């Protein structure tokens, strides 16, 4: 949730400083899936053939 608010703030700052167009938000009808996380204290790592990601609530 905190990262979503940071992304929103960045989008509006860029818009009001005339760097980009108005921010577009994800919709439920989109077929494109994504995952977003912040790397803190080396919590994302590759171990062999696996990618270790932190748990999300």
PDB file of N, CA and C in Angstrom:
ATOM      1  N   UNK A   1       0.821  -1.189   0.000  1.00  0.00           N
ATOM      2  CA  UNK A   1       0.000   0.000   0.000  1.00  0.00           C
ATOM      3  C   UNK A   1       0.870   1.259   0.000  1.00  0.00           C
ATOM      4  N   UNK A   2       1.963   1.221   0.740  1.00  0.00           N
ATOM      5  CA  UNK A   2       2.825   2.397   0.794  1.00  0.00           C
ATOM      6  C   UNK A   2       3.453   2.675  -0.565  1.00  0.00           C
ATOM      7  N   UNK A   3       3.841   1.619  -1.269  1.00  0.00           N
ATOM      8  CA  UNK A   3       4.446   1.808  -2.581  1.00  0.00           C
ATOM      9  C   UNK A   3       3.421   2.363  -3.571  1.00  0.00           C
ATOM     10  N   UNK A   4       2.170   1.956  -3.454  1.00  0.00           N
ATOM     11  CA  UNK A   4       1.124   2.473  -4.341  1.00  0.00           C
ATOM     12  C   UNK A   4       0.946   3.978  -4.138  1.00  0.00           C
ATOM     13  N   UNK A   5       1.010   4.424  -2.894  1.00  0.00           N
ATOM     14  CA  UNK A   5       0.884   5.859  -2.616  1.00  0.00           C
ATOM     15  C   UNK A   5       2.087   6.637  -3.141  1.00  0.00           C
ATOM     16  N   UNK A   6       3.268   6.050  -3.045  1.00  0.00           N
ATOM     17  CA  UNK A   6       4.464   6.704  -3.584  1.00  0.00           C
ATOM     18  C   UNK A   6       4.362   6.823  -5.101  1.00  0.00           C
ATOM     19  N   UNK A   7       3.884   5.766  -5.762  1.00  0.00           N
ATOM     20  CA  UNK A   7       3.716   5.804  -7.219  1.00  0.00           C
ATOM     21  C   UNK A   7       2.693   6.858  -7.623  1.00  0.00           C
ATOM     22  N   UNK A   8       1.608   6.952  -6.860  1.00  0.00           N
ATOM     23  CA  UNK A   8       0.575   7.944  -7.145  1.00  0.00           C
ATOM     24  C   UNK A   8       1.127   9.355  -6.999  1.00  0.00           C
ATOM     25  N   UNK A   9       1.874   9.587  -5.938  1.00  0.00           N
ATOM     26  CA  UNK A   9       2.463  10.905  -5.713  1.00  0.00           C
ATOM     27  C   UNK A   9       3.421  11.277  -6.840  1.00  0.00           C
ATOM     28  N   UNK A  10       4.245  10.338  -7.263  1.00  0.00           N
ATOM     29  CA  UNK A  10       5.187  10.593  -8.352  1.00  0.00           C
ATOM     30  C   UNK A  10       4.447  10.902  -9.654  1.00  0.00           C
ATOM     31  N   UNK A  11       3.377  10.160  -9.920  1.00  0.00           N
ATOM     32  CA  UNK A  11       2.595  10.399 -11.130  1.00  0.00           C
ATOM     33  C   UNK A  11       1.993  11.788 -11.164  1.00  0.00           C
ATOM     34  N   UNK A  12       1.430  12.224 -10.050  1.00  0.00           N
ATOM     35  CA  UNK A  12       0.829  13.568 -10.010  1.00  0.00           C
ATOM     36  C   UNK A  12       1.883  14.665 -10.038  1.00  0.00           C
ATOM     37  N   UNK A  13       3.021  14.455  -9.380  1.00  0.00           N
ATOM     38  CA  UNK A  13       4.090  15.460  -9.430  1.00  0.00           C
ATOM     39  C   UNK A  13       4.553  15.656 -10.863  1.00  0.00           C
ATOM     40  N   UNK A  14       4.779  14.548 -11.576  1.00  0.00           N
ATOM     41  CA  UNK A  14       5.215  14.640 -12.972  1.00  0.00           C
ATOM     42  C   UNK A  14       4.168  15.319 -13.834  1.00  0.00           C
ATOM     43  N   UNK A  15       2.887  15.055 -13.576  1.00  0.00           N
ATOM     44  CA  UNK A  15       1.815  15.666 -14.364  1.00  0.00           C
ATOM     45  C   UNK A  15       1.768  17.177 -14.142  1.00  0.00           C
ATOM     46  N   UNK A  16       1.813  17.603 -12.889  1.00  0.00           N
ATOM     47  CA  UNK A  16       1.692  19.025 -12.604  1.00  0.00           C
ATOM     48  C   UNK A  16       2.956  19.808 -12.945  1.00  0.00           C
ATOM     49  N   UNK A  17       4.070  19.133 -13.151  1.00  0.00           N
ATOM     50  CA  UNK A  17       5.281  19.804 -13.611  1.00  0.00           C
ATOM     51  C   UNK A  17       5.433  19.671 -15.124  1.00  0.00           C
ATOM     52  N   UNK A  18       4.337  19.287 -15.790  1.00  0.00           N
ATOM     53  CA  UNK A  18       4.257  19.186 -17.256  1.00  0.00           C
ATOM     54  C   UNK A  18       5.314  18.270 -17.855  1.00  0.00           C
ATOM     55  N   UNK A  19       5.659  17.178 -17.155  1.00  0.00           N
ATOM     56  CA  UNK A  19       6.609  16.202 -17.688  1.00  0.00           C
ATOM     57  C   UNK A  19       5.901  15.076 -18.439  1.00  0.00           C
ATOM     58  N   UNK A  20       4.690  14.720 -18.000  1.00  0.00           N
ATOM     59  CA  UNK A  20       3.961  13.611 -18.615  1.00  0.00           C
ATOM     60  C   UNK A  20       2.486  13.949 -18.702  1.00  0.00           C
ATOM     61  N   UNK A  21       1.734  13.023 -19.291  1.00  0.00           N
ATOM     62  CA  UNK A  21       0.285  13.171 -19.369  1.00  0.00           C
ATOM     63  C   UNK A  21      -0.334  12.770 -18.023  1.00  0.00           C
ATOM     64  N   UNK A  22      -1.648  12.895 -17.929  1.00  0.00           N
ATOM     65  CA  UNK A  22      -2.356  12.545 -16.699  1.00  0.00           C
ATOM     66  C   UNK A  22      -2.136  11.068 -16.381  1.00  0.00           C
ATOM     67  N   UNK A  23      -1.924  10.719 -15.110  1.00  0.00           N
ATOM     68  CA  UNK A  23      -1.655   9.318 -14.754  1.00  0.00           C
ATOM     69  C   UNK A  23      -2.817   8.402 -15.119  1.00  0.00           C
ATOM     70  N   UNK A  24      -2.479   7.224 -15.641  1.00  0.00           N
ATOM     71  CA  UNK A  24      -3.482   6.209 -15.955  1.00  0.00           C
ATOM     72  C   UNK A  24      -3.396   5.118 -14.910  1.00  0.00           C
ATOM     73  N   UNK A  25      -4.534   4.643 -14.479  1.00  0.00           N
ATOM     74  CA  UNK A  25      -4.589   3.657 -13.419  1.00  0.00           C
ATOM     75  C   UNK A  25      -4.960   2.293 -13.981  1.00  0.00           C
ATOM     76  N   UNK A  26      -4.583   1.249 -13.266  1.00  0.00           N
ATOM     77  CA  UNK A  26      -4.910  -0.104 -13.694  1.00  0.00           C
ATOM     78  C   UNK A  26      -6.414  -0.327 -13.621  1.00  0.00           C
ATOM     79  N   UNK A  27      -6.897  -1.207 -14.487  1.00  0.00           N
ATOM     80  CA  UNK A  27      -8.307  -1.576 -14.452  1.00  0.00           C
ATOM     81  C   UNK A  27      -8.422  -3.069 -14.220  1.00  0.00           C
ATOM     82  N   UNK A  28      -9.578  -3.502 -13.811  1.00  0.00           N
ATOM     83  CA  UNK A  28      -9.804  -4.927 -13.604  1.00  0.00           C
ATOM     84  C   UNK A  28      -9.885  -5.676 -14.926  1.00  0.00           C
ATOM     85  N   UNK A  29     -10.152  -4.957 -16.030  1.00  0.00           N
ATOM     86  CA  UNK A  29     -10.306  -5.592 -17.327  1.00  0.00           C
ATOM     87  C   UNK A  29      -8.970  -5.779 -18.054  1.00  0.00           C
ATOM     88  N   UNK A  30      -7.901  -5.286 -17.482  1.00  0.00           N
ATOM     89  CA  UNK A  30      -6.597  -5.395 -18.126  1.00  0.00           C
ATOM     90  C   UNK A  30      -6.087  -6.836 -18.048  1.00  0.00           C
ATOM     91  N   UNK A  31      -5.502  -7.316 -19.139  1.00  0.00           N
ATOM     92  CA  UNK A  31      -4.958  -8.673 -19.145  1.00  0.00           C
ATOM     93  C   UNK A  31      -3.512  -8.691 -18.677  1.00  0.00           C
ATOM     94  N   UNK A  32      -2.932  -7.549 -18.465  1.00  0.00           N
ATOM     95  CA  UNK A  32      -1.535  -7.453 -18.067  1.00  0.00           C
ATOM     96  C   UNK A  32      -1.421  -7.483 -16.543  1.00  0.00           C
ATOM     97  N   UNK A  33      -0.690  -8.446 -16.030  1.00  0.00           N
ATOM     98  CA  UNK A  33      -0.497  -8.580 -14.592  1.00  0.00           C
ATOM     99  C   UNK A  33       0.878  -8.058 -14.210  1.00  0.00           C
ATOM    100  N   UNK A  34       1.011  -7.533 -13.010  1.00  0.00           N
ATOM    101  CA  UNK A  34       2.310  -7.040 -12.571  1.00  0.00           C
ATOM    102  C   UNK A  34       2.472  -7.255 -11.074  1.00  0.00           C
ATOM    103  N   UNK A  35       3.719  -7.189 -10.645  1.00  0.00           N
ATOM    104  CA  UNK A  35       4.063  -7.339  -9.233  1.00  0.00           C
ATOM    105  C   UNK A  35       5.083  -6.262  -8.904  1.00  0.00           C
ATOM    106  N   UNK A  36       4.893  -5.578  -7.797  1.00  0.00           N
ATOM    107  CA  UNK A  36       5.750  -4.485  -7.411  1.00  0.00           C
ATOM    108  C   UNK A  36       6.201  -4.691  -5.975  1.00  0.00           C
ATOM    109  N   UNK A  37       7.488  -4.524  -5.696  1.00  0.00           N
ATOM    110  CA  UNK A  37       7.974  -4.633  -4.327  1.00  0.00           C
ATOM    111  C   UNK A  37       9.187  -3.740  -4.161  1.00  0.00           C
ATOM    112  N   UNK A  38       9.531  -3.470  -2.917  1.00  0.00           N
ATOM    113  CA  UNK A  38      10.686  -2.651  -2.593  1.00  0.00           C
ATOM    114  C   UNK A  38      11.755  -3.554  -2.008  1.00  0.00           C
ATOM    115  N   UNK A  39      12.966  -3.442  -2.508  1.00  0.00           N
ATOM    116  CA  UNK A  39      14.064  -4.264  -2.008  1.00  0.00           C
ATOM    117  C   UNK A  39      14.676  -3.597  -0.779  1.00  0.00           C
ATOM    118  N   UNK A  40      14.475  -4.199   0.382  1.00  0.00           N
ATOM    119  CA  UNK A  40      15.072  -3.703   1.615  1.00  0.00           C
ATOM    120  C   UNK A  40      15.840  -4.828   2.276  1.00  0.00           C
ATOM    121  N   UNK A  41      17.001  -4.521   2.734  1.00  0.00           N
ATOM    122  CA  UNK A  41      17.883  -5.461   3.431  1.00  0.00           C
ATOM    123  C   UNK A  41      18.040  -6.779   2.667  1.00  0.00           C
ATOM    124  N   UNK A  42      18.174  -6.649   1.352  1.00  0.00           N
ATOM    125  CA  UNK A  42      18.459  -7.810   0.507  1.00  0.00           C
ATOM    126  C   UNK A  42      17.388  -8.895   0.608  1.00  0.00           C
ATOM    127  N   UNK A  43      16.102  -8.515   0.616  1.00  0.00           N
ATOM    128  CA  UNK A  43      15.028  -9.493   0.765  1.00  0.00           C
ATOM    129  C   UNK A  43      14.649 -10.180  -0.550  1.00  0.00           C
ATOM    130  N   UNK A  44      15.157  -9.727  -1.677  1.00  0.00           N
ATOM    131  CA  UNK A  44      14.918 -10.371  -2.967  1.00  0.00           C
ATOM    132  C   UNK A  44      16.237 -10.990  -3.416  1.00  0.00           C
ATOM    133  N   UNK A  45      16.235 -12.304  -3.656  1.00  0.00           N
ATOM    134  CA  UNK A  45      17.479 -12.949  -4.052  1.00  0.00           C
ATOM    135  C   UNK A  45      17.191 -14.156  -4.937  1.00  0.00           C
ATOM    136  N   UNK A  46      18.184 -14.501  -5.746  1.00  0.00           N
ATOM    137  CA  UNK A  46      18.086 -15.681  -6.597  1.00  0.00           C
ATOM    138  C   UNK A  46      18.855 -16.805  -5.916  1.00  0.00           C
ATOM    139  N   UNK A  47      18.190 -17.940  -5.736  1.00  0.00           N
ATOM    140  CA  UNK A  47      18.813 -19.117  -5.130  1.00  0.00           C
ATOM    141  C   UNK A  47      18.637 -20.283  -6.092  1.00  0.00           C
ATOM    142  N   UNK A  48      19.707 -20.618  -6.803  1.00  0.00           N
ATOM    143  CA  UNK A  48      19.620 -21.689  -7.790  1.00  0.00           C
ATOM    144  C   UNK A  48      18.700 -21.281  -8.926  1.00  0.00           C
ATOM    145  N   UNK A  49      17.670 -22.103  -9.176  1.00  0.00           N
ATOM    146  CA  UNK A  49      16.701 -21.806 -10.237  1.00  0.00           C
ATOM    147  C   UNK A  49      15.477 -21.072  -9.721  1.00  0.00           C
ATOM    148  N   UNK A  50      15.511 -20.604  -8.473  1.00  0.00           N
ATOM    149  CA  UNK A  50      14.352 -19.975  -7.854  1.00  0.00           C
ATOM    150  C   UNK A  50      14.622 -18.514  -7.538  1.00  0.00           C
ATOM    151  N   UNK A  51      13.570 -17.734  -7.508  1.00  0.00           N
ATOM    152  CA  UNK A  51      13.627 -16.337  -7.129  1.00  0.00           C
ATOM    153  C   UNK A  51      12.871 -16.197  -5.812  1.00  0.00           C
ATOM    154  N   UNK A  52      13.553 -15.786  -4.760  1.00  0.00           N
ATOM    155  CA  UNK A  52      12.940 -15.629  -3.437  1.00  0.00           C
ATOM    156  C   UNK A  52      12.390 -14.219  -3.308  1.00  0.00           C
ATOM    157  N   UNK A  53      11.087 -14.110  -3.081  1.00  0.00           N
ATOM    158  CA  UNK A  53      10.401 -12.829  -2.922  1.00  0.00           C
ATOM    159  C   UNK A  53       9.818 -12.727  -1.529  1.00  0.00           C
ATOM    160  N   UNK A  54       9.670 -11.510  -0.984  1.00  0.00           N
ATOM    161  CA  UNK A  54       9.060 -11.376   0.330  1.00  0.00           C
ATOM    162  C   UNK A  54       7.559 -11.655   0.276  1.00  0.00           C
ATOM    163  N   UNK A  55       7.009 -12.080   1.384  1.00  0.00           N
ATOM    164  CA  UNK A  55       5.573 -12.318   1.455  1.00  0.00           C
ATOM    165  C   UNK A  55       4.836 -10.998   1.462  1.00  0.00           C
ATOM    166  N   UNK A  56       3.663 -10.969   0.851  1.00  0.00           N
ATOM    167  CA  UNK A  56       2.806  -9.793   0.900  1.00  0.00           C
ATOM    168  C   UNK A  56       1.523 -10.171   1.601  1.00  0.00           C
ATOM    169  N   UNK A  57       0.984  -9.212   2.325  1.00  0.00           N
ATOM    170  CA  UNK A  57      -0.276  -9.442   3.051  1.00  0.00           C
ATOM    171  C   UNK A  57      -1.467  -9.289   2.166  1.00  0.00           C
TER     172      UNK A  57
END
